Amino acid sequence: MKCMRNSLQLIPLLLCVAFGNAQTAVTSIHGTVFDQTGAALANAHVSISDPATGYKSERVTGPHGEYAFEQVKPDTYTILVVAPGFAPQKQVAELLVNQARTADFKLAVGAASGETVEVVSADSALNTSDATIGTPFDTHQIQSLPFEGNNVLDLLSLQAGVLFLGDKTTQQQNTDGRSGAVDGARSDQSNVTLDGVDDNDQNAGYAFSGVLRSTRDSVEEFRVVTTNANADSGRSSGSQVSLVTRSGTNAYHGSVYEYYRPTNTVANDWFNK
């Protein structure tokens, strides 16, 4: 009975861990609304919307002018701020996976029914919210950059501190933990998640491939935290790789492609012959 009681006590803990790991496929945005003098504006209405999907969410600023949208799906959003006696203002911001975004607003005095002031936001790849070090890859980079075998995780090798010895046979990968070393950690110390779900190879632990093969046509974006991962990241002490799959929109879209790899133009491997 004692063993059964201890096992039941572990169930809530395991559920918390499972849901905690599932939060790595989202992002967040927060900021402060000021007036022209720099004073905080309370009770201002802040909304984010995605015209491609019709998603919309609203918040009201707190007593210090602060607002926050947590657990938001990575995408490009239009942020609109409206306050009585001030001209509405909006920004278009790209929210990347697993990287919080800060968007502050300074409203000018004006009629609410007048024109909306549009502010060009700063580069979304610059992380100013926490101490994590890592590079996000958006849709344009994934579609444009060449990589061998159509494996998106091969883009890991483009970052500082990553050692990639190239694709080798399964036997070589199993005996050499350096094939995907990030900041000195072994390959099996990297954590790969796909839409917040564990995608790690539990048997071999390859850093550059998950259990589910993620192609460039199925991945919307991903981010790799190489150092100083936040508390919401778990499982491993090495790199944290968060992938997000592409989703549909209100408009019809698609892609057509063909892979043509003739052998007469391929260079021979020195170790092959």
C-alpha atoms as a PDB file:
ATOM      1  CA  MET A   1       0.000   0.000   0.000  1.00  0.00           C
ATOM      2  CA  LYS A   2       2.859   2.352   0.763  1.00  0.00           C
ATOM      3  CA  CYS A   3       4.374   1.819  -2.701  1.00  0.00           C
ATOM      4  CA  MET A   4       0.979   2.467  -4.322  1.00  0.00           C
ATOM      5  CA  ARG A   5       0.548   5.656  -2.287  1.00  0.00           C
ATOM      6  CA  ASN A   6       3.963   6.952  -3.410  1.00  0.00           C
ATOM      7  CA  SER A   7       3.141   6.160  -7.021  1.00  0.00           C
ATOM      8  CA  LEU A   8      -0.120   8.103  -6.828  1.00  0.00           C
ATOM      9  CA  GLN A   9       1.748  11.081  -5.404  1.00  0.00           C
ATOM     10  CA  LEU A  10       4.031  11.108  -8.440  1.00  0.00           C
ATOM     11  CA  ILE A  11       1.154  11.396 -10.946  1.00  0.00           C
ATOM     12  CA  PRO A  12       0.508  15.160 -10.430  1.00  0.00           C
ATOM     13  CA  LEU A  13       4.234  15.815 -10.666  1.00  0.00           C
ATOM     14  CA  LEU A  14       4.511  13.939 -13.957  1.00  0.00           C
ATOM     15  CA  LEU A  15       1.492  15.790 -15.331  1.00  0.00           C
ATOM     16  CA  CYS A  16       3.082  19.130 -14.421  1.00  0.00           C
ATOM     17  CA  VAL A  17       6.300  18.155 -16.165  1.00  0.00           C
ATOM     18  CA  ALA A  18       4.413  17.069 -19.288  1.00  0.00           C
ATOM     19  CA  PHE A  19       2.433  20.298 -19.516  1.00  0.00           C
ATOM     20  CA  GLY A  20       5.523  22.359 -18.714  1.00  0.00           C
ATOM     21  CA  ASN A  21       7.426  20.902 -21.655  1.00  0.00           C
ATOM     22  CA  ALA A  22       4.427  21.526 -23.924  1.00  0.00           C
ATOM     23  CA  GLN A  23       4.756  25.272 -23.398  1.00  0.00           C
ATOM     24  CA  THR A  24       7.955  25.582 -25.432  1.00  0.00           C
ATOM     25  CA  ALA A  25       6.092  25.964 -28.767  1.00  0.00           C
ATOM     26  CA  VAL A  26       4.604  29.345 -27.899  1.00  0.00           C
ATOM     27  CA  THR A  27       5.829  32.875 -27.334  1.00  0.00           C
ATOM     28  CA  SER A  28       4.764  36.060 -25.533  1.00  0.00           C
ATOM     29  CA  ILE A  29       4.693  39.817 -25.936  1.00  0.00           C
ATOM     30  CA  HIS A  30       4.624  42.517 -23.304  1.00  0.00           C
ATOM     31  CA  GLY A  31       5.311  46.227 -22.996  1.00  0.00           C
ATOM     32  CA  THR A  32       4.302  49.568 -21.508  1.00  0.00           C
ATOM     33  CA  VAL A  33       2.107  52.354 -22.873  1.00  0.00           C
ATOM     34  CA  PHE A  34       3.265  55.953 -22.225  1.00  0.00           C
ATOM     35  CA  ASP A  35       2.096  59.425 -23.198  1.00  0.00           C
ATOM     36  CA  GLN A  36       4.357  62.050 -24.825  1.00  0.00           C
ATOM     37  CA  THR A  37       5.731  63.151 -21.448  1.00  0.00           C
ATOM     38  CA  GLY A  38       6.769  59.600 -20.509  1.00  0.00           C
ATOM     39  CA  ALA A  39       3.989  59.071 -17.967  1.00  0.00           C
ATOM     40  CA  ALA A  40       2.368  55.623 -17.891  1.00  0.00           C
ATOM     41  CA  LEU A  41      -1.134  55.296 -19.342  1.00  0.00           C
ATOM     42  CA  ALA A  42      -3.480  53.073 -17.361  1.00  0.00           C
ATOM     43  CA  ASN A  43      -6.707  51.546 -18.754  1.00  0.00           C
ATOM     44  CA  ALA A  44      -5.535  51.780 -22.364  1.00  0.00           C
ATOM     45  CA  HIS A  45      -6.927  49.063 -24.648  1.00  0.00           C
ATOM     46  CA  VAL A  46      -4.287  46.884 -26.331  1.00  0.00           C
ATOM     47  CA  SER A  47      -5.205  44.268 -28.936  1.00  0.00           C
ATOM     48  CA  ILE A  48      -3.214  41.860 -31.076  1.00  0.00           C
ATOM     49  CA  SER A  49      -4.637  40.375 -34.266  1.00  0.00           C
ATOM     50  CA  ASP A  50      -3.524  38.077 -37.068  1.00  0.00           C
ATOM     51  CA  PRO A  51      -5.323  38.912 -40.335  1.00  0.00           C
ATOM     52  CA  ALA A  52      -4.210  35.624 -41.907  1.00  0.00           C
ATOM     53  CA  THR A  53      -6.146  33.489 -39.409  1.00  0.00           C
ATOM     54  CA  GLY A  54      -8.635  35.947 -37.891  1.00  0.00           C
ATOM     55  CA  TYR A  55      -7.181  35.557 -34.385  1.00  0.00           C
ATOM     56  CA  LYS A  56      -7.663  38.502 -32.004  1.00  0.00           C
ATOM     57  CA  SER A  57      -7.030  39.063 -28.298  1.00  0.00           C
ATOM     58  CA  GLU A  58      -7.427  42.156 -26.119  1.00  0.00           C
ATOM     59  CA  ARG A  59      -5.948  43.454 -22.855  1.00  0.00           C
ATOM     60  CA  VAL A  60      -6.257  46.583 -20.683  1.00  0.00           C
ATOM     61  CA  THR A  61      -3.093  48.208 -19.338  1.00  0.00           C
ATOM     62  CA  GLY A  62      -2.482  48.112 -15.598  1.00  0.00           C
ATOM     63  CA  PRO A  63      -1.852  51.040 -13.217  1.00  0.00           C
ATOM     64  CA  HIS A  64       1.720  51.400 -14.481  1.00  0.00           C
ATOM     65  CA  GLY A  65       0.733  51.188 -18.159  1.00  0.00           C
ATOM     66  CA  GLU A  66       1.886  47.576 -18.496  1.00  0.00           C
ATOM     67  CA  TYR A  67       0.306  44.860 -20.638  1.00  0.00           C
ATOM     68  CA  ALA A  68       1.178  41.252 -21.487  1.00  0.00           C
ATOM     69  CA  PHE A  69      -0.006  38.504 -23.842  1.00  0.00           C
ATOM     70  CA  GLU A  70       1.234  35.108 -22.672  1.00  0.00           C
ATOM     71  CA  GLN A  71       1.144  31.732 -24.442  1.00  0.00           C
ATOM     72  CA  VAL A  72       0.689  33.196 -27.935  1.00  0.00           C
ATOM     73  CA  LYS A  73       1.214  31.159 -31.099  1.00  0.00           C
ATOM     74  CA  PRO A  74       4.289  32.350 -33.049  1.00  0.00           C
ATOM     75  CA  ASP A  75       3.168  34.476 -35.992  1.00  0.00           C
ATOM     76  CA  THR A  76       3.106  38.040 -37.334  1.00  0.00           C
ATOM     77  CA  TYR A  77       0.644  40.196 -35.388  1.00  0.00           C
ATOM     78  CA  THR A  78      -0.755  43.716 -35.611  1.00  0.00           C
ATOM     79  CA  ILE A  79      -0.683  45.427 -32.201  1.00  0.00           C
ATOM     80  CA  LEU A  80      -3.210  48.253 -31.753  1.00  0.00           C
ATOM     81  CA  VAL A  81      -3.316  50.611 -28.753  1.00  0.00           C
ATOM     82  CA  VAL A  82      -6.348  52.855 -28.143  1.00  0.00           C
ATOM     83  CA  ALA A  83      -6.763  55.306 -25.246  1.00  0.00           C
ATOM     84  CA  PRO A  84      -9.292  58.149 -24.713  1.00  0.00           C
ATOM     85  CA  GLY A  85      -7.883  61.510 -25.789  1.00  0.00           C
ATOM     86  CA  PHE A  86      -4.944  59.985 -27.682  1.00  0.00           C
ATOM     87  CA  ALA A  87      -4.414  59.048 -31.315  1.00  0.00           C
ATOM     88  CA  PRO A  88      -4.501  55.255 -31.836  1.00  0.00           C
ATOM     89  CA  GLN A  89      -1.146  53.653 -32.593  1.00  0.00           C
ATOM     90  CA  LYS A  90      -0.216  50.286 -34.054  1.00  0.00           C
ATOM     91  CA  GLN A  91       2.838  48.133 -34.716  1.00  0.00           C
ATOM     92  CA  VAL A  92       3.348  45.054 -36.852  1.00  0.00           C
ATOM     93  CA  ALA A  93       5.554  42.605 -34.966  1.00  0.00           C
ATOM     94  CA  GLU A  94       6.803  39.118 -35.767  1.00  0.00           C
ATOM     95  CA  LEU A  95       6.676  36.918 -32.672  1.00  0.00           C
ATOM     96  CA  LEU A  96       9.223  34.118 -32.827  1.00  0.00           C
ATOM     97  CA  VAL A  97       8.958  30.816 -30.995  1.00  0.00           C
ATOM     98  CA  ASN A  98      10.388  30.617 -27.482  1.00  0.00           C
ATOM     99  CA  GLN A  99      11.539  34.251 -27.562  1.00  0.00           C
ATOM    100  CA  ALA A 100       9.613  36.916 -25.640  1.00  0.00           C
ATOM    101  CA  ARG A 101       9.046  40.232 -27.413  1.00  0.00           C
ATOM    102  CA  THR A 102       8.863  43.730 -25.922  1.00  0.00           C
ATOM    103  CA  ALA A 103       6.761  46.393 -27.659  1.00  0.00           C
ATOM    104  CA  ASP A 104       6.400  49.783 -25.934  1.00  0.00           C
ATOM    105  CA  PHE A 105       4.126  52.573 -27.157  1.00  0.00           C
ATOM    106  CA  LYS A 106       4.250  56.365 -26.744  1.00  0.00           C
ATOM    107  CA  LEU A 107       0.883  57.866 -27.685  1.00  0.00           C
ATOM    108  CA  ALA A 108       0.393  61.392 -28.970  1.00  0.00           C
ATOM    109  CA  VAL A 109      -2.542  63.580 -27.979  1.00  0.00           C
ATOM    110  CA  GLY A 110      -5.263  63.502 -30.620  1.00  0.00           C
ATOM    111  CA  ALA A 111      -8.804  62.536 -31.459  1.00  0.00           C
ATOM    112  CA  ALA A 112      -9.629  58.861 -31.210  1.00  0.00           C
ATOM    113  CA  SER A 113     -11.465  59.025 -34.554  1.00  0.00           C
ATOM    114  CA  GLY A 114      -8.452  60.440 -36.387  1.00  0.00           C
ATOM    115  CA  GLU A 115      -5.762  58.574 -38.294  1.00  0.00           C
ATOM    116  CA  THR A 116      -3.886  55.728 -36.654  1.00  0.00           C
ATOM    117  CA  VAL A 117      -0.160  56.227 -36.156  1.00  0.00           C
ATOM    118  CA  GLU A 118       1.813  53.256 -37.465  1.00  0.00           C
ATOM    119  CA  VAL A 119       5.233  52.584 -35.919  1.00  0.00           C
ATOM    120  CA  VAL A 120       7.854  50.449 -37.658  1.00  0.00           C
ATOM    121  CA  SER A 121       9.035  47.927 -35.078  1.00  0.00           C
ATOM    122  CA  ALA A 122      12.648  46.958 -34.468  1.00  0.00           C
ATOM    123  CA  ASP A 123      14.296  43.731 -35.604  1.00  0.00           C
ATOM    124  CA  SER A 124      12.483  40.831 -33.949  1.00  0.00           C
ATOM    125  CA  ALA A 125      15.630  38.679 -33.884  1.00  0.00           C
ATOM    126  CA  LEU A 126      17.169  40.896 -31.164  1.00  0.00           C
ATOM    127  CA  ASN A 127      16.404  39.375 -27.764  1.00  0.00           C
ATOM    128  CA  THR A 128      16.135  41.990 -24.995  1.00  0.00           C
ATOM    129  CA  SER A 129      13.764  40.114 -22.662  1.00  0.00           C
ATOM    130  CA  ASP A 130      15.983  37.489 -21.032  1.00  0.00           C
ATOM    131  CA  ALA A 131      19.534  36.098 -20.904  1.00  0.00           C
ATOM    132  CA  THR A 132      19.038  33.243 -23.356  1.00  0.00           C
ATOM    133  CA  ILE A 133      21.525  33.033 -26.221  1.00  0.00           C
ATOM    134  CA  GLY A 134      20.288  31.510 -29.447  1.00  0.00           C
ATOM    135  CA  THR A 135      19.323  32.190 -33.030  1.00  0.00           C
ATOM    136  CA  PRO A 136      15.757  32.049 -34.364  1.00  0.00           C
ATOM    137  CA  PHE A 137      15.179  30.887 -37.955  1.00  0.00           C
ATOM    138  CA  ASP A 138      12.023  32.182 -39.645  1.00  0.00           C
ATOM    139  CA  THR A 139      10.160  30.842 -42.666  1.00  0.00           C
ATOM    140  CA  HIS A 140      12.171  32.844 -45.197  1.00  0.00           C
ATOM    141  CA  GLN A 141      15.497  31.487 -43.899  1.00  0.00           C
ATOM    142  CA  ILE A 142      14.253  27.900 -43.776  1.00  0.00           C
ATOM    143  CA  GLN A 143      12.965  28.104 -47.345  1.00  0.00           C
ATOM    144  CA  SER A 144      16.059  29.872 -48.727  1.00  0.00           C
ATOM    145  CA  LEU A 145      19.105  28.366 -46.992  1.00  0.00           C
ATOM    146  CA  PRO A 146      20.533  25.172 -48.519  1.00  0.00           C
ATOM    147  CA  PHE A 147      21.115  22.145 -46.320  1.00  0.00           C
ATOM    148  CA  GLU A 148      21.886  18.513 -46.981  1.00  0.00           C
ATOM    149  CA  GLY A 149      19.169  15.883 -46.883  1.00  0.00           C
ATOM    150  CA  ASN A 150      16.373  18.455 -46.494  1.00  0.00           C
ATOM    151  CA  ASN A 151      16.795  18.218 -42.709  1.00  0.00           C
ATOM    152  CA  VAL A 152      15.888  21.540 -41.063  1.00  0.00           C
ATOM    153  CA  LEU A 153      17.974  20.835 -37.963  1.00  0.00           C
ATOM    154  CA  ASP A 154      21.122  20.963 -40.068  1.00  0.00           C
ATOM    155  CA  LEU A 155      20.798  24.761 -39.734  1.00  0.00           C
ATOM    156  CA  LEU A 156      22.094  24.263 -36.193  1.00  0.00           C
ATOM    157  CA  SER A 157      25.595  24.180 -37.619  1.00  0.00           C
ATOM    158  CA  LEU A 158      25.343  27.853 -38.681  1.00  0.00           C
ATOM    159  CA  GLN A 159      25.553  29.087 -35.090  1.00  0.00           C
ATOM    160  CA  ALA A 160      28.585  29.916 -33.007  1.00  0.00           C
ATOM    161  CA  GLY A 161      29.624  27.218 -30.541  1.00  0.00           C
ATOM    162  CA  VAL A 162      28.213  24.329 -32.600  1.00  0.00           C
ATOM    163  CA  LEU A 163      30.423  21.485 -33.814  1.00  0.00           C
ATOM    164  CA  PHE A 164      29.042  19.496 -36.743  1.00  0.00           C
ATOM    165  CA  LEU A 165      31.133  16.716 -38.262  1.00  0.00           C
ATOM    166  CA  GLY A 166      28.651  16.028 -41.041  1.00  0.00           C
ATOM    167  CA  ASP A 167      26.184  13.226 -41.660  1.00  0.00           C
ATOM    168  CA  LYS A 168      27.830   9.893 -40.949  1.00  0.00           C
ATOM    169  CA  THR A 169      26.680   6.310 -40.831  1.00  0.00           C
ATOM    170  CA  THR A 170      24.525   5.186 -37.917  1.00  0.00           C
ATOM    171  CA  GLN A 171      27.389   3.194 -36.426  1.00  0.00           C
ATOM    172  CA  GLN A 172      29.705   6.213 -36.438  1.00  0.00           C
ATOM    173  CA  GLN A 173      27.043   8.468 -34.913  1.00  0.00           C
ATOM    174  CA  ASN A 174      26.399   6.012 -32.094  1.00  0.00           C
ATOM    175  CA  THR A 175      30.083   5.914 -31.141  1.00  0.00           C
ATOM    176  CA  ASP A 176      30.938   9.607 -31.599  1.00  0.00           C
ATOM    177  CA  GLY A 177      29.026  12.033 -29.368  1.00  0.00           C
ATOM    178  CA  ARG A 178      30.631  15.054 -31.051  1.00  0.00           C
ATOM    179  CA  SER A 179      28.553  14.887 -34.230  1.00  0.00           C
ATOM    180  CA  GLY A 180      26.160  17.481 -32.834  1.00  0.00           C
ATOM    181  CA  ALA A 181      27.995  19.102 -29.917  1.00  0.00           C
ATOM    182  CA  VAL A 182      26.647  22.484 -28.782  1.00  0.00           C
ATOM    183  CA  ASP A 183      28.895  24.577 -26.524  1.00  0.00           C
ATOM    184  CA  GLY A 184      30.876  21.489 -25.523  1.00  0.00           C
ATOM    185  CA  ALA A 185      27.896  19.313 -24.559  1.00  0.00           C
ATOM    186  CA  ARG A 186      27.404  15.878 -26.061  1.00  0.00           C
ATOM    187  CA  SER A 187      24.817  15.233 -28.750  1.00  0.00           C
ATOM    188  CA  ASP A 188      22.393  13.509 -26.379  1.00  0.00           C
ATOM    189  CA  GLN A 189      22.326  16.612 -24.150  1.00  0.00           C
ATOM    190  CA  SER A 190      20.300  18.580 -26.706  1.00  0.00           C
ATOM    191  CA  ASN A 191      16.521  18.769 -26.343  1.00  0.00           C
ATOM    192  CA  VAL A 192      14.390  18.782 -29.507  1.00  0.00           C
ATOM    193  CA  THR A 193      10.665  19.583 -29.311  1.00  0.00           C
ATOM    194  CA  LEU A 194       8.126  19.781 -32.151  1.00  0.00           C
ATOM    195  CA  ASP A 195       5.091  21.964 -31.351  1.00  0.00           C
ATOM    196  CA  GLY A 196       5.981  21.512 -27.682  1.00  0.00           C
ATOM    197  CA  VAL A 197       6.080  17.694 -27.878  1.00  0.00           C
ATOM    198  CA  ASP A 198       9.222  15.668 -27.132  1.00  0.00           C
ATOM    199  CA  ASP A 199      10.892  14.793 -30.468  1.00  0.00           C
ATOM    200  CA  ASN A 200      14.126  13.343 -29.101  1.00  0.00           C
ATOM    201  CA  ASP A 201      15.625  10.053 -30.187  1.00  0.00           C
ATOM    202  CA  GLN A 202      15.709   8.335 -26.793  1.00  0.00           C
ATOM    203  CA  ASN A 203      17.957   5.518 -28.021  1.00  0.00           C
ATOM    204  CA  ALA A 204      20.719   7.415 -29.830  1.00  0.00           C
ATOM    205  CA  GLY A 205      20.137  11.053 -28.864  1.00  0.00           C
ATOM    206  CA  TYR A 206      21.165  12.738 -32.119  1.00  0.00           C
ATOM    207  CA  ALA A 207      21.358  16.534 -31.843  1.00  0.00           C
ATOM    208  CA  PHE A 208      20.690  17.154 -35.526  1.00  0.00           C
ATOM    209  CA  SER A 209      17.663  14.918 -36.026  1.00  0.00           C
ATOM    210  CA  GLY A 210      14.500  14.058 -34.145  1.00  0.00           C
ATOM    211  CA  VAL A 211      12.283  11.010 -34.156  1.00  0.00           C
ATOM    212  CA  LEU A 212       9.978  12.744 -36.643  1.00  0.00           C
ATOM    213  CA  ARG A 213      11.854  14.007 -39.684  1.00  0.00           C
ATOM    214  CA  SER A 214      11.107  17.739 -40.046  1.00  0.00           C
ATOM    215  CA  THR A 215      11.345  18.978 -43.630  1.00  0.00           C
ATOM    216  CA  ARG A 216      11.583  22.586 -44.778  1.00  0.00           C
ATOM    217  CA  ASP A 217       8.021  22.459 -46.131  1.00  0.00           C
ATOM    218  CA  SER A 218       6.509  21.427 -42.796  1.00  0.00           C
ATOM    219  CA  VAL A 219       8.372  23.780 -40.419  1.00  0.00           C
ATOM    220  CA  GLU A 220       7.209  27.373 -39.944  1.00  0.00           C
ATOM    221  CA  GLU A 221      10.145  28.455 -37.788  1.00  0.00           C
ATOM    222  CA  PHE A 222      12.358  27.280 -34.976  1.00  0.00           C
ATOM    223  CA  ARG A 223      14.742  28.641 -32.372  1.00  0.00           C
ATOM    224  CA  VAL A 224      17.818  27.099 -30.795  1.00  0.00           C
ATOM    225  CA  VAL A 225      18.848  28.260 -27.309  1.00  0.00           C
ATOM    226  CA  THR A 226      22.513  27.349 -27.035  1.00  0.00           C
ATOM    227  CA  THR A 227      23.208  28.917 -23.609  1.00  0.00           C
ATOM    228  CA  ASN A 228      21.317  30.141 -20.521  1.00  0.00           C
ATOM    229  CA  ALA A 229      18.006  28.384 -21.166  1.00  0.00           C
ATOM    230  CA  ASN A 230      15.054  29.579 -19.076  1.00  0.00           C
ATOM    231  CA  ALA A 231      13.344  27.604 -16.321  1.00  0.00           C
ATOM    232  CA  ASP A 232      10.551  26.493 -18.675  1.00  0.00           C
ATOM    233  CA  SER A 233      13.060  24.384 -20.622  1.00  0.00           C
ATOM    234  CA  GLY A 234      13.699  20.917 -19.305  1.00  0.00           C
ATOM    235  CA  ARG A 235      15.049  17.430 -19.896  1.00  0.00           C
ATOM    236  CA  SER A 236      18.633  18.383 -20.795  1.00  0.00           C
ATOM    237  CA  SER A 237      21.344  20.851 -19.908  1.00  0.00           C
ATOM    238  CA  GLY A 238      22.425  21.367 -23.534  1.00  0.00           C
ATOM    239  CA  SER A 239      20.796  23.224 -26.396  1.00  0.00           C
ATOM    240  CA  GLN A 240      17.005  23.671 -26.497  1.00  0.00           C
ATOM    241  CA  VAL A 241      15.597  23.280 -30.027  1.00  0.00           C
ATOM    242  CA  SER A 242      11.958  24.384 -30.441  1.00  0.00           C
ATOM    243  CA  LEU A 243      10.293  23.717 -33.808  1.00  0.00           C
ATOM    244  CA  VAL A 244       6.853  24.924 -34.898  1.00  0.00           C
ATOM    245  CA  THR A 245       4.995  23.352 -37.815  1.00  0.00           C
ATOM    246  CA  ARG A 246       3.237  25.406 -40.469  1.00  0.00           C
ATOM    247  CA  SER A 247      -0.486  25.981 -40.084  1.00  0.00           C
ATOM    248  CA  GLY A 248      -3.297  27.033 -42.386  1.00  0.00           C
ATOM    249  CA  THR A 249      -4.701  30.512 -43.001  1.00  0.00           C
ATOM    250  CA  ASN A 250      -7.925  31.996 -44.353  1.00  0.00           C
ATOM    251  CA  ALA A 251      -6.463  32.027 -47.889  1.00  0.00           C
ATOM    252  CA  TYR A 252      -5.668  29.081 -50.163  1.00  0.00           C
ATOM    253  CA  HIS A 253      -1.946  28.551 -50.556  1.00  0.00           C
ATOM    254  CA  GLY A 254       0.511  25.804 -51.296  1.00  0.00           C
ATOM    255  CA  SER A 255       3.818  24.933 -52.938  1.00  0.00           C
ATOM    256  CA  VAL A 256       5.060  22.733 -55.758  1.00  0.00           C
ATOM    257  CA  TYR A 257       8.639  21.520 -55.889  1.00  0.00           C
ATOM    258  CA  GLU A 258      10.869  18.847 -57.392  1.00  0.00           C
ATOM    259  CA  TYR A 259      14.228  17.514 -56.264  1.00  0.00           C
ATOM    260  CA  TYR A 260      16.633  16.648 -59.059  1.00  0.00           C
ATOM    261  CA  ARG A 261      19.999  15.238 -57.982  1.00  0.00           C
ATOM    262  CA  PRO A 262      21.856  13.703 -60.932  1.00  0.00           C
ATOM    263  CA  THR A 263      24.862  11.585 -60.030  1.00  0.00           C
ATOM    264  CA  ASN A 264      27.008  12.910 -62.891  1.00  0.00           C
ATOM    265  CA  THR A 265      27.358  16.312 -61.184  1.00  0.00           C
ATOM    266  CA  VAL A 266      27.987  15.055 -57.621  1.00  0.00           C
ATOM    267  CA  ALA A 267      31.537  15.215 -56.248  1.00  0.00           C
ATOM    268  CA  ASN A 268      32.969  11.966 -54.940  1.00  0.00           C
ATOM    269  CA  ASP A 269      33.733  11.556 -51.234  1.00  0.00           C
ATOM    270  CA  TRP A 270      37.448  11.014 -50.588  1.00  0.00           C
ATOM    271  CA  PHE A 271      36.629   8.292 -48.035  1.00  0.00           C
ATOM    272  CA  ASN A 272      34.353   6.561 -50.533  1.00  0.00           C
ATOM    273  CA  LYS A 273      37.141   5.616 -52.947  1.00  0.00           C
END
